[in-house]
Amino acid sequence: MQYDVSVPTMPKKAHITVNLLPEASKSTTTQIKGRIRNNAKIPLCKEIEAITIEDIDASYENLKKHGISSNVARNLMDLYTE
């Protein structure tokens, strides 16, 4: 007697974080999102569901608002953007 031992497939998603090139700072968020959607070539990607553009300086200020010292906030942002 044979049994079907195939593993059921589960839907999967990938979350990708990228650092943008310096010239991206000259573009609007809408322009950046459009260029990513139109030009991204990601293997196994059915569709791009969401793109979030984050201003690094805003993240730095947000860390400081939560009581993180300036030096620690800058070090965290440097690690994040490397």
N, C-alpha and C. Protein backbone atom coordinates (compact mmCIF):
# COMPACT_ATOMS: atom_id res chain seq x y z
N MET A 1 0.83 -1.16 0.00
CA MET A 1 0.00 0.00 0.00
C MET A 1 0.89 1.24 0.00
N GLN A 2 0.55 2.23 -0.83
CA GLN A 2 1.32 3.47 -0.90
C GLN A 2 0.51 4.60 -0.29
N TYR A 3 1.22 5.48 0.37
CA TYR A 3 0.59 6.64 0.98
C TYR A 3 1.12 7.89 0.31
N ASP A 4 0.26 8.88 0.17
CA ASP A 4 0.68 10.17 -0.36
C ASP A 4 1.33 10.96 0.77
N VAL A 5 2.63 11.14 0.70
CA VAL A 5 3.36 11.84 1.76
C VAL A 5 3.83 13.22 1.30
N SER A 6 3.21 13.73 0.26
CA SER A 6 3.64 15.05 -0.21
C SER A 6 3.30 16.11 0.84
N VAL A 7 4.15 17.08 0.93
CA VAL A 7 3.98 18.15 1.90
C VAL A 7 3.08 19.22 1.27
N PRO A 8 2.04 19.64 1.97
CA PRO A 8 1.18 20.68 1.40
C PRO A 8 1.95 21.99 1.25
N THR A 9 1.70 22.69 0.17
CA THR A 9 2.39 23.95 -0.04
C THR A 9 1.71 25.06 0.75
N MET A 10 2.50 25.93 1.28
CA MET A 10 2.00 27.06 2.05
C MET A 10 2.33 28.35 1.29
N PRO A 11 1.39 29.28 1.24
CA PRO A 11 1.71 30.56 0.60
C PRO A 11 2.85 31.24 1.35
N LYS A 12 3.70 31.90 0.62
CA LYS A 12 4.86 32.56 1.24
C LYS A 12 4.97 33.99 0.72
N LYS A 13 5.56 34.83 1.54
CA LYS A 13 5.86 36.20 1.16
C LYS A 13 7.31 36.49 1.51
N ALA A 14 7.91 37.37 0.76
CA ALA A 14 9.27 37.82 1.06
C ALA A 14 9.21 39.31 1.42
N HIS A 15 9.98 39.71 2.41
CA HIS A 15 10.11 41.11 2.78
C HIS A 15 11.55 41.49 2.48
N ILE A 16 11.73 42.45 1.59
CA ILE A 16 13.06 42.85 1.14
C ILE A 16 13.30 44.29 1.54
N THR A 17 14.41 44.55 2.19
CA THR A 17 14.80 45.92 2.54
C THR A 17 16.00 46.30 1.71
N VAL A 18 15.93 47.44 1.05
CA VAL A 18 17.05 47.88 0.21
C VAL A 18 17.47 49.29 0.62
N ASN A 19 18.73 49.58 0.44
CA ASN A 19 19.24 50.94 0.59
C ASN A 19 19.26 51.55 -0.80
N LEU A 20 18.67 52.73 -0.92
CA LEU A 20 18.60 53.40 -2.21
C LEU A 20 19.91 54.14 -2.50
N LEU A 21 20.17 54.32 -3.77
CA LEU A 21 21.35 55.07 -4.20
C LEU A 21 21.19 56.54 -3.81
N PRO A 22 22.30 57.28 -3.67
CA PRO A 22 22.22 58.69 -3.27
C PRO A 22 21.32 59.53 -4.19
N GLU A 23 21.29 59.22 -5.48
CA GLU A 23 20.47 60.02 -6.39
C GLU A 23 18.97 59.89 -6.12
N ALA A 24 18.56 58.89 -5.34
CA ALA A 24 17.15 58.74 -4.98
C ALA A 24 16.68 59.91 -4.12
N SER A 25 17.60 60.57 -3.42
CA SER A 25 17.20 61.70 -2.58
C SER A 25 16.70 62.87 -3.42
N LYS A 26 16.98 62.86 -4.71
CA LYS A 26 16.52 63.93 -5.60
C LYS A 26 15.15 63.61 -6.21
N SER A 27 14.61 62.43 -5.93
CA SER A 27 13.33 62.00 -6.51
C SER A 27 12.24 62.02 -5.44
N THR A 28 11.00 62.16 -5.89
CA THR A 28 9.88 62.09 -4.96
C THR A 28 9.61 60.63 -4.61
N THR A 29 8.88 60.42 -3.54
CA THR A 29 8.50 59.07 -3.13
C THR A 29 7.72 58.37 -4.24
N THR A 30 6.82 59.09 -4.88
CA THR A 30 6.01 58.52 -5.97
C THR A 30 6.90 58.09 -7.13
N GLN A 31 7.88 58.90 -7.47
CA GLN A 31 8.81 58.55 -8.56
C GLN A 31 9.62 57.30 -8.21
N ILE A 32 10.09 57.23 -6.99
CA ILE A 32 10.89 56.07 -6.56
C ILE A 32 10.04 54.81 -6.61
N LYS A 33 8.83 54.87 -6.07
CA LYS A 33 7.94 53.70 -6.08
C LYS A 33 7.65 53.27 -7.51
N GLY A 34 7.40 54.21 -8.39
CA GLY A 34 7.11 53.89 -9.79
C GLY A 34 8.29 53.21 -10.47
N ARG A 35 9.47 53.74 -10.24
CA ARG A 35 10.67 53.14 -10.85
C ARG A 35 10.93 51.74 -10.32
N ILE A 36 10.70 51.54 -9.03
CA ILE A 36 10.89 50.20 -8.46
C ILE A 36 9.87 49.23 -9.07
N ARG A 37 8.60 49.63 -9.11
CA ARG A 37 7.57 48.75 -9.68
C ARG A 37 7.84 48.42 -11.14
N ASN A 38 8.28 49.39 -11.90
CA ASN A 38 8.49 49.20 -13.34
C ASN A 38 9.78 48.46 -13.68
N ASN A 39 10.78 48.57 -12.83
CA ASN A 39 12.10 48.04 -13.19
C ASN A 39 12.58 46.86 -12.35
N ALA A 40 11.90 46.56 -11.25
CA ALA A 40 12.36 45.48 -10.38
C ALA A 40 12.25 44.13 -11.08
N LYS A 41 13.29 43.36 -10.99
CA LYS A 41 13.30 42.00 -11.50
C LYS A 41 13.67 41.08 -10.33
N ILE A 42 12.65 40.54 -9.70
CA ILE A 42 12.84 39.73 -8.50
C ILE A 42 12.42 38.30 -8.83
N PRO A 43 13.34 37.34 -8.74
CA PRO A 43 12.99 35.95 -9.04
C PRO A 43 11.84 35.47 -8.16
N LEU A 44 10.96 34.70 -8.73
CA LEU A 44 9.81 34.09 -8.06
C LEU A 44 8.77 35.10 -7.58
N CYS A 45 8.86 36.34 -8.03
CA CYS A 45 7.94 37.38 -7.61
C CYS A 45 6.72 37.40 -8.52
N LYS A 46 5.55 37.19 -7.93
CA LYS A 46 4.29 37.26 -8.68
C LYS A 46 3.87 38.72 -8.86
N GLU A 47 3.90 39.48 -7.77
CA GLU A 47 3.58 40.90 -7.82
C GLU A 47 4.21 41.61 -6.63
N ILE A 48 4.42 42.89 -6.78
CA ILE A 48 4.89 43.71 -5.67
C ILE A 48 3.65 44.30 -5.02
N GLU A 49 3.39 43.91 -3.79
CA GLU A 49 2.18 44.35 -3.09
C GLU A 49 2.33 45.74 -2.49
N ALA A 50 3.47 46.01 -1.89
CA ALA A 50 3.63 47.29 -1.19
C ALA A 50 5.08 47.74 -1.25
N ILE A 51 5.26 49.03 -1.38
CA ILE A 51 6.59 49.64 -1.31
C ILE A 51 6.49 50.77 -0.30
N THR A 52 7.40 50.77 0.65
CA THR A 52 7.45 51.84 1.65
C THR A 52 8.79 52.55 1.52
N ILE A 53 8.73 53.84 1.36
CA ILE A 53 9.95 54.65 1.29
C ILE A 53 10.08 55.36 2.64
N GLU A 54 11.24 55.24 3.25
CA GLU A 54 11.45 55.78 4.59
C GLU A 54 12.56 56.82 4.56
N ASP A 55 12.31 57.96 5.14
CA ASP A 55 13.32 59.00 5.26
C ASP A 55 14.19 58.67 6.47
N ILE A 56 15.45 58.42 6.24
CA ILE A 56 16.37 58.01 7.31
C ILE A 56 16.46 59.08 8.40
N ASP A 57 16.46 60.34 8.01
CA ASP A 57 16.54 61.40 9.03
C ASP A 57 15.31 61.41 9.92
N ALA A 58 14.15 61.10 9.36
CA ALA A 58 12.93 61.03 10.16
C ALA A 58 13.03 59.89 11.17
N SER A 59 13.61 58.78 10.75
CA SER A 59 13.79 57.65 11.66
C SER A 59 14.73 58.02 12.80
N TYR A 60 15.78 58.76 12.48
CA TYR A 60 16.74 59.22 13.48
C TYR A 60 16.03 60.10 14.51
N GLU A 61 15.23 61.05 14.04
CA GLU A 61 14.50 61.95 14.94
C GLU A 61 13.49 61.17 15.79
N ASN A 62 12.86 60.16 15.19
CA ASN A 62 11.89 59.35 15.93
C ASN A 62 12.57 58.59 17.06
N LEU A 63 13.76 58.06 16.81
CA LEU A 63 14.51 57.37 17.87
C LEU A 63 14.81 58.34 19.02
N LYS A 64 15.22 59.55 18.67
CA LYS A 64 15.54 60.54 19.70
C LYS A 64 14.30 60.91 20.51
N LYS A 65 13.13 60.97 19.88
CA LYS A 65 11.88 61.29 20.58
C LYS A 65 11.53 60.22 21.61
N HIS A 66 12.01 59.00 21.37
CA HIS A 66 11.73 57.90 22.29
C HIS A 66 12.81 57.75 23.36
N GLY A 67 13.64 58.77 23.51
CA GLY A 67 14.61 58.77 24.59
C GLY A 67 15.96 58.16 24.26
N ILE A 68 16.19 57.83 22.99
CA ILE A 68 17.49 57.29 22.59
C ILE A 68 18.45 58.46 22.43
N SER A 69 19.66 58.33 22.96
CA SER A 69 20.63 59.42 22.85
C SER A 69 21.02 59.63 21.39
N SER A 70 21.50 60.82 21.10
CA SER A 70 21.89 61.16 19.72
C SER A 70 22.95 60.21 19.18
N ASN A 71 23.95 59.89 20.01
CA ASN A 71 25.03 59.00 19.55
C ASN A 71 24.51 57.60 19.25
N VAL A 72 23.68 57.07 20.13
CA VAL A 72 23.13 55.73 19.92
C VAL A 72 22.21 55.73 18.70
N ALA A 73 21.38 56.77 18.58
CA ALA A 73 20.47 56.86 17.44
C ALA A 73 21.26 56.90 16.13
N ARG A 74 22.33 57.68 16.10
CA ARG A 74 23.14 57.77 14.87
C ARG A 74 23.82 56.44 14.58
N ASN A 75 24.34 55.77 15.62
CA ASN A 75 24.96 54.46 15.41
C ASN A 75 23.96 53.44 14.87
N LEU A 76 22.74 53.44 15.41
CA LEU A 76 21.71 52.54 14.91
C LEU A 76 21.39 52.83 13.46
N MET A 77 21.27 54.10 13.11
CA MET A 77 20.97 54.46 11.72
C MET A 77 22.13 54.09 10.80
N ASP A 78 23.35 54.25 11.26
CA ASP A 78 24.50 53.86 10.46
C ASP A 78 24.50 52.36 10.21
N LEU A 79 24.20 51.57 11.24
CA LEU A 79 24.13 50.12 11.08
C LEU A 79 23.00 49.74 10.12
N TYR A 80 21.88 50.41 10.25
CA TYR A 80 20.70 50.12 9.44
C TYR A 80 20.94 50.41 7.96
N THR A 81 21.74 51.44 7.68
CA THR A 81 21.92 51.86 6.28
C THR A 81 23.19 51.28 5.64
N GLU A 82 23.95 50.48 6.36
CA GLU A 82 25.17 49.90 5.77
C GLU A 82 24.82 48.77 4.83
